């Protein structure tokens, strides 16, 4: 359960940050395609600060692809189903974390952005 919770929290932070960086109404967002660099820094920050806990999958493809390759290459039960049947956690938890991070941004940040409020007011008139 510790690994499951960690993956949800790490992915929620990532998705929340990506939404903030790429938001069209964020007046402080990086310009000139620097958003990709900022997202890269965000991934590095997440990995450096909390990634050591459970190897920070953050994305089901980052864990399942190599795990499947290792299974086919002969690692057997060490890869799939893995010790203590860990294999499903880096698949399910990031999906839930994405919902948590995106939903949190949509509920707590997006409705209160001043540029969005101005655009909505302009559309009403």
C-alpha atoms as a PDB file:
ATOM      1  CA  UNK A   1       0.000   0.000   0.000  1.00  0.00           C
ATOM      2  CA  UNK A   2       2.957   2.319   0.605  1.00  0.00           C
ATOM      3  CA  UNK A   3       4.098   1.996  -3.000  1.00  0.00           C
ATOM      4  CA  UNK A   4       0.532   2.436  -4.241  1.00  0.00           C
ATOM      5  CA  UNK A   5       0.111   5.680  -2.303  1.00  0.00           C
ATOM      6  CA  UNK A   6       3.509   6.988  -3.367  1.00  0.00           C
ATOM      7  CA  UNK A   7       2.760   6.447  -7.043  1.00  0.00           C
ATOM      8  CA  UNK A   8      -0.600   8.198  -6.751  1.00  0.00           C
ATOM      9  CA  UNK A   9       0.948  11.211  -5.013  1.00  0.00           C
ATOM     10  CA  UNK A  10       3.941  11.502  -7.367  1.00  0.00           C
ATOM     11  CA  UNK A  11       1.789  11.255 -10.483  1.00  0.00           C
ATOM     12  CA  UNK A  12      -0.729  13.728  -9.061  1.00  0.00           C
ATOM     13  CA  UNK A  13       2.109  16.246  -8.529  1.00  0.00           C
ATOM     14  CA  UNK A  14       3.320  15.672 -12.080  1.00  0.00           C
ATOM     15  CA  UNK A  15      -0.069  16.115 -13.724  1.00  0.00           C
ATOM     16  CA  UNK A  16      -0.896  19.134 -11.563  1.00  0.00           C
ATOM     17  CA  UNK A  17       2.402  20.726 -12.614  1.00  0.00           C
ATOM     18  CA  UNK A  18       1.874  19.933 -16.287  1.00  0.00           C
ATOM     19  CA  UNK A  19      -1.582  21.496 -16.185  1.00  0.00           C
ATOM     20  CA  UNK A  20      -0.160  24.619 -14.543  1.00  0.00           C
ATOM     21  CA  UNK A  21       2.721  24.910 -17.015  1.00  0.00           C
ATOM     22  CA  UNK A  22       0.589  24.403 -20.130  1.00  0.00           C
ATOM     23  CA  UNK A  23      -2.514  26.353 -19.063  1.00  0.00           C
ATOM     24  CA  UNK A  24      -3.502  28.916 -21.680  1.00  0.00           C
ATOM     25  CA  UNK A  25      -4.817  31.318 -19.031  1.00  0.00           C
ATOM     26  CA  UNK A  26      -1.680  31.148 -16.896  1.00  0.00           C
ATOM     27  CA  UNK A  27      -0.072  34.526 -17.447  1.00  0.00           C
ATOM     28  CA  UNK A  28       3.133  33.412 -15.718  1.00  0.00           C
ATOM     29  CA  UNK A  29       3.610  30.245 -17.803  1.00  0.00           C
ATOM     30  CA  UNK A  30       6.907  29.891 -19.649  1.00  0.00           C
ATOM     31  CA  UNK A  31       6.863  31.059 -23.235  1.00  0.00           C
ATOM     32  CA  UNK A  32       8.802  30.268 -26.406  1.00  0.00           C
ATOM     33  CA  UNK A  33       8.431  26.500 -26.031  1.00  0.00           C
ATOM     34  CA  UNK A  34      10.177  26.537 -22.657  1.00  0.00           C
ATOM     35  CA  UNK A  35       7.263  24.542 -21.254  1.00  0.00           C
ATOM     36  CA  UNK A  36       8.888  21.276 -22.291  1.00  0.00           C
ATOM     37  CA  UNK A  37      12.049  22.231 -20.419  1.00  0.00           C
ATOM     38  CA  UNK A  38      10.019  23.131 -17.329  1.00  0.00           C
ATOM     39  CA  UNK A  39       8.180  19.797 -17.479  1.00  0.00           C
ATOM     40  CA  UNK A  40      11.535  18.046 -17.751  1.00  0.00           C
ATOM     41  CA  UNK A  41      12.732  19.920 -14.663  1.00  0.00           C
ATOM     42  CA  UNK A  42       9.521  18.928 -12.890  1.00  0.00           C
ATOM     43  CA  UNK A  43      10.100  15.243 -13.659  1.00  0.00           C
ATOM     44  CA  UNK A  44      13.713  15.541 -12.477  1.00  0.00           C
ATOM     45  CA  UNK A  45      12.597  17.295  -9.290  1.00  0.00           C
ATOM     46  CA  UNK A  46      10.026  14.596  -8.548  1.00  0.00           C
ATOM     47  CA  UNK A  47      12.605  11.886  -9.183  1.00  0.00           C
ATOM     48  CA  UNK A  48      15.287  13.559  -7.092  1.00  0.00           C
ATOM     49  CA  UNK A  49      13.031  14.347  -4.160  1.00  0.00           C
ATOM     50  CA  UNK A  50      10.769  11.310  -3.846  1.00  0.00           C
ATOM     51  CA  UNK A  51      11.719   8.919  -6.632  1.00  0.00           C
ATOM     52  CA  UNK A  52      13.931   6.751  -4.485  1.00  0.00           C
ATOM     53  CA  UNK A  53      10.896   5.471  -2.572  1.00  0.00           C
ATOM     54  CA  UNK A  54       9.414   3.180  -5.223  1.00  0.00           C
ATOM     55  CA  UNK A  55      11.341   3.950  -8.438  1.00  0.00           C
ATOM     56  CA  UNK A  56       8.787   6.592  -9.570  1.00  0.00           C
ATOM     57  CA  UNK A  57       7.070   5.001 -12.541  1.00  0.00           C
ATOM     58  CA  UNK A  58       4.757   8.045 -13.060  1.00  0.00           C
ATOM     59  CA  UNK A  59       3.593   6.381 -16.270  1.00  0.00           C
ATOM     60  CA  UNK A  60       2.527   2.764 -16.779  1.00  0.00           C
ATOM     61  CA  UNK A  61       4.703   2.469 -19.882  1.00  0.00           C
ATOM     62  CA  UNK A  62       7.857   3.377 -17.936  1.00  0.00           C
ATOM     63  CA  UNK A  63       7.507   0.256 -15.823  1.00  0.00           C
ATOM     64  CA  UNK A  64       5.503  -2.317 -17.747  1.00  0.00           C
ATOM     65  CA  UNK A  65       7.485  -2.201 -21.006  1.00  0.00           C
ATOM     66  CA  UNK A  66      10.859  -2.955 -19.391  1.00  0.00           C
ATOM     67  CA  UNK A  67       9.202  -5.466 -17.068  1.00  0.00           C
ATOM     68  CA  UNK A  68       7.680  -7.323 -20.030  1.00  0.00           C
ATOM     69  CA  UNK A  69      11.023  -7.268 -21.863  1.00  0.00           C
ATOM     70  CA  UNK A  70      12.792  -8.708 -18.806  1.00  0.00           C
ATOM     71  CA  UNK A  71      10.185 -11.434 -18.523  1.00  0.00           C
ATOM     72  CA  UNK A  72      10.636 -12.382 -22.186  1.00  0.00           C
ATOM     73  CA  UNK A  73      14.430 -12.200 -21.798  1.00  0.00           C
ATOM     74  CA  UNK A  74      14.325 -14.908 -19.166  1.00  0.00           C
ATOM     75  CA  UNK A  75      14.112 -13.187 -15.798  1.00  0.00           C
ATOM     76  CA  UNK A  76      10.904 -15.094 -15.107  1.00  0.00           C
ATOM     77  CA  UNK A  77       9.024 -14.439 -11.872  1.00  0.00           C
ATOM     78  CA  UNK A  78      11.425 -11.651 -10.904  1.00  0.00           C
ATOM     79  CA  UNK A  79       9.875  -9.553 -13.666  1.00  0.00           C
ATOM     80  CA  UNK A  80       6.308 -10.875 -13.846  1.00  0.00           C
ATOM     81  CA  UNK A  81       4.441 -11.253 -11.541  1.00  0.00           C
ATOM     82  CA  UNK A  82       7.383  -9.803  -9.561  1.00  0.00           C
ATOM     83  CA  UNK A  83       8.051 -10.167  -5.851  1.00  0.00           C
ATOM     84  CA  UNK A  84       4.867  -9.704  -3.808  1.00  0.00           C
ATOM     85  CA  UNK A  85       2.888  -9.189  -7.069  1.00  0.00           C
ATOM     86  CA  UNK A  86       4.095  -5.583  -7.364  1.00  0.00           C
ATOM     87  CA  UNK A  87       3.647  -5.420 -11.162  1.00  0.00           C
ATOM     88  CA  UNK A  88       0.133  -3.918 -11.123  1.00  0.00           C
ATOM     89  CA  UNK A  89       0.955  -0.966  -8.844  1.00  0.00           C
ATOM     90  CA  UNK A  90       2.920   1.085 -11.446  1.00  0.00           C
ATOM     91  CA  UNK A  91       0.013   0.576 -13.850  1.00  0.00           C
ATOM     92  CA  UNK A  92      -3.018   1.384 -11.713  1.00  0.00           C
ATOM     93  CA  UNK A  93      -1.616   3.974  -9.287  1.00  0.00           C
ATOM     94  CA  UNK A  94      -0.373   6.466 -11.944  1.00  0.00           C
ATOM     95  CA  UNK A  95      -3.762   6.323 -13.640  1.00  0.00           C
ATOM     96  CA  UNK A  96      -5.460   7.206 -10.359  1.00  0.00           C
ATOM     97  CA  UNK A  97      -2.800   9.825  -9.619  1.00  0.00           C
ATOM     98  CA  UNK A  98      -3.468  11.460 -12.970  1.00  0.00           C
ATOM     99  CA  UNK A  99      -7.141  11.739 -12.096  1.00  0.00           C
ATOM    100  CA  UNK A 100      -6.315  13.180  -8.682  1.00  0.00           C
ATOM    101  CA  UNK A 101      -3.810  15.730 -10.029  1.00  0.00           C
ATOM    102  CA  UNK A 102      -5.918  16.811 -12.977  1.00  0.00           C
ATOM    103  CA  UNK A 103      -9.102  16.967 -10.949  1.00  0.00           C
ATOM    104  CA  UNK A 104      -7.419  18.987  -8.214  1.00  0.00           C
ATOM    105  CA  UNK A 105      -6.154  21.507 -10.753  1.00  0.00           C
ATOM    106  CA  UNK A 106      -9.539  21.763 -12.452  1.00  0.00           C
ATOM    107  CA  UNK A 107     -11.360  22.312  -9.150  1.00  0.00           C
ATOM    108  CA  UNK A 108      -8.938  24.437  -7.148  1.00  0.00           C
ATOM    109  CA  UNK A 109      -6.925  26.497  -9.646  1.00  0.00           C
ATOM    110  CA  UNK A 110      -8.610  26.847 -13.045  1.00  0.00           C
ATOM    111  CA  UNK A 111     -11.820  28.574 -11.914  1.00  0.00           C
ATOM    112  CA  UNK A 112      -9.838  31.289 -10.126  1.00  0.00           C
ATOM    113  CA  UNK A 113      -7.298  32.314 -12.773  1.00  0.00           C
ATOM    114  CA  UNK A 114      -7.690  36.061 -13.424  1.00  0.00           C
ATOM    115  CA  UNK A 115      -7.105  35.756 -17.193  1.00  0.00           C
ATOM    116  CA  UNK A 116      -9.805  33.099 -17.425  1.00  0.00           C
ATOM    117  CA  UNK A 117     -12.208  35.325 -15.507  1.00  0.00           C
ATOM    118  CA  UNK A 118     -11.497  38.203 -17.931  1.00  0.00           C
ATOM    119  CA  UNK A 119     -12.074  35.932 -20.936  1.00  0.00           C
ATOM    120  CA  UNK A 120     -15.361  34.688 -19.511  1.00  0.00           C
ATOM    121  CA  UNK A 121     -16.493  38.243 -18.762  1.00  0.00           C
ATOM    122  CA  UNK A 122     -15.567  39.347 -22.276  1.00  0.00           C
ATOM    123  CA  UNK A 123     -17.493  36.430 -23.773  1.00  0.00           C
ATOM    124  CA  UNK A 124     -20.636  37.400 -21.818  1.00  0.00           C
ATOM    125  CA  UNK A 125     -20.689  40.925 -23.228  1.00  0.00           C
END
